[in-house]
């Protein structure tokens, strides 16, 4: 349920058309990175990086997010102080072009 989930590190782009955040499911004790995209005709929320993505980091170890809306670049900071730039993972649809 919605009460079992909290959001952290919410990053909304300057235009308000795209955003990312860390979602914590308290019941399952799992975190994942989510994305929001709004076009001229619709809005969508979807999973961007799953709890176990096969990347050099997992969202459970995330301590911060930085998001550049224009490029779609996401940078994930870990609790160990490591930074992971993730280029091109936030795809920019034609309807959302700046």
Protein backbone atom coordinates (compact mmCIF):
# COMPACT_ATOMS: atom_id res chain seq x y z
CA UNK A 1 0.00 0.00 0.00
CA UNK A 2 1.03 3.62 -0.39
CA UNK A 3 1.63 4.00 3.35
CA UNK A 4 4.34 1.33 3.20
CA UNK A 5 6.39 3.39 0.72
CA UNK A 6 8.42 6.55 1.26
CA UNK A 7 10.32 8.78 -1.16
CA UNK A 8 13.79 10.28 -0.79
CA UNK A 9 16.15 12.42 -2.87
CA UNK A 10 13.35 13.68 -5.12
CA UNK A 11 14.88 15.48 -8.11
CA UNK A 12 12.55 17.39 -10.43
CA UNK A 13 13.92 19.05 -13.55
CA UNK A 14 13.67 22.81 -14.13
CA UNK A 15 10.73 22.42 -16.52
CA UNK A 16 8.88 20.02 -14.21
CA UNK A 17 8.52 17.53 -17.06
CA UNK A 18 10.90 14.87 -15.72
CA UNK A 19 12.01 13.71 -12.32
CA UNK A 20 13.64 10.86 -10.41
CA UNK A 21 13.55 9.68 -6.80
CA UNK A 22 14.52 6.83 -4.52
CA UNK A 23 11.49 4.81 -3.40
CA UNK A 24 11.73 2.77 -0.18
CA UNK A 25 9.24 -0.06 0.30
CA UNK A 26 9.23 -0.54 4.09
CA UNK A 27 7.33 -3.82 4.05
CA UNK A 28 9.78 -5.50 1.65
CA UNK A 29 12.81 -3.47 2.84
CA UNK A 30 13.75 -2.77 -0.77
CA UNK A 31 14.63 0.44 -2.57
CA UNK A 32 14.41 1.28 -6.26
CA UNK A 33 14.90 4.38 -8.36
CA UNK A 34 11.75 5.66 -10.02
CA UNK A 35 11.12 8.19 -12.78
CA UNK A 36 8.38 10.60 -13.71
CA UNK A 37 7.77 12.00 -17.18
CA UNK A 38 5.09 14.42 -18.33
CA UNK A 39 4.47 15.10 -22.00
CA UNK A 40 1.96 17.36 -23.67
CA UNK A 41 -0.66 14.60 -23.56
CA UNK A 42 0.19 12.26 -20.66
CA UNK A 43 2.06 11.55 -17.45
CA UNK A 44 3.88 8.38 -16.48
CA UNK A 45 5.66 6.96 -13.44
CA UNK A 46 7.82 3.89 -13.90
CA UNK A 47 10.73 2.01 -12.40
CA UNK A 48 14.06 3.31 -13.67
CA UNK A 49 16.49 1.11 -11.71
CA UNK A 50 15.25 -2.02 -9.93
CA UNK A 51 16.31 -3.18 -6.47
CA UNK A 52 18.91 -5.54 -7.98
CA UNK A 53 19.89 -3.97 -11.32
CA UNK A 54 23.12 -5.83 -12.20
CA UNK A 55 25.04 -2.53 -11.99
CA UNK A 56 28.03 -1.72 -9.77
CA UNK A 57 25.59 -0.33 -7.19
CA UNK A 58 22.19 -1.18 -5.75
CA UNK A 59 19.58 1.39 -4.74
CA UNK A 60 19.71 0.11 -1.13
CA UNK A 61 23.21 1.66 -0.88
CA UNK A 62 22.15 4.99 -2.39
CA UNK A 63 22.80 8.08 -0.28
CA UNK A 64 22.01 10.79 -2.84
CA UNK A 65 20.81 11.44 -6.39
CA UNK A 66 21.60 14.25 -8.81
CA UNK A 67 19.59 14.61 -12.01
CA UNK A 68 20.09 16.81 -15.08
CA UNK A 69 16.80 17.02 -16.94
CA UNK A 70 18.19 18.41 -20.20
CA UNK A 71 20.68 15.57 -20.76
CA UNK A 72 18.81 12.83 -18.92
CA UNK A 73 21.96 12.16 -16.85
CA UNK A 74 21.56 10.70 -13.39
CA UNK A 75 24.36 10.51 -10.84
CA UNK A 76 23.98 8.11 -7.92
CA UNK A 77 26.02 8.58 -4.75
CA UNK A 78 26.62 5.59 -2.47
CA UNK A 79 26.95 5.45 1.31
CA UNK A 80 30.66 4.64 0.78
CA UNK A 81 31.17 7.96 -1.05
CA UNK A 82 31.29 6.43 -4.52
CA UNK A 83 29.66 8.27 -7.44
CA UNK A 84 28.06 6.49 -10.37
CA UNK A 85 27.15 8.63 -13.38
CA UNK A 86 24.44 6.92 -15.36
CA UNK A 87 24.27 8.46 -18.84
CA UNK A 88 21.29 8.17 -21.13
CA UNK A 89 19.26 6.04 -18.77
CA UNK A 90 16.48 8.62 -18.53
CA UNK A 91 15.22 8.62 -22.10
CA UNK A 92 13.76 11.86 -23.37
CA UNK A 93 10.62 11.39 -25.44
CA UNK A 94 9.86 13.66 -28.38
CA UNK A 95 6.82 15.15 -26.61
CA UNK A 96 9.05 16.25 -23.72
CA UNK A 97 11.82 17.79 -25.80
CA UNK A 98 12.95 21.12 -24.40
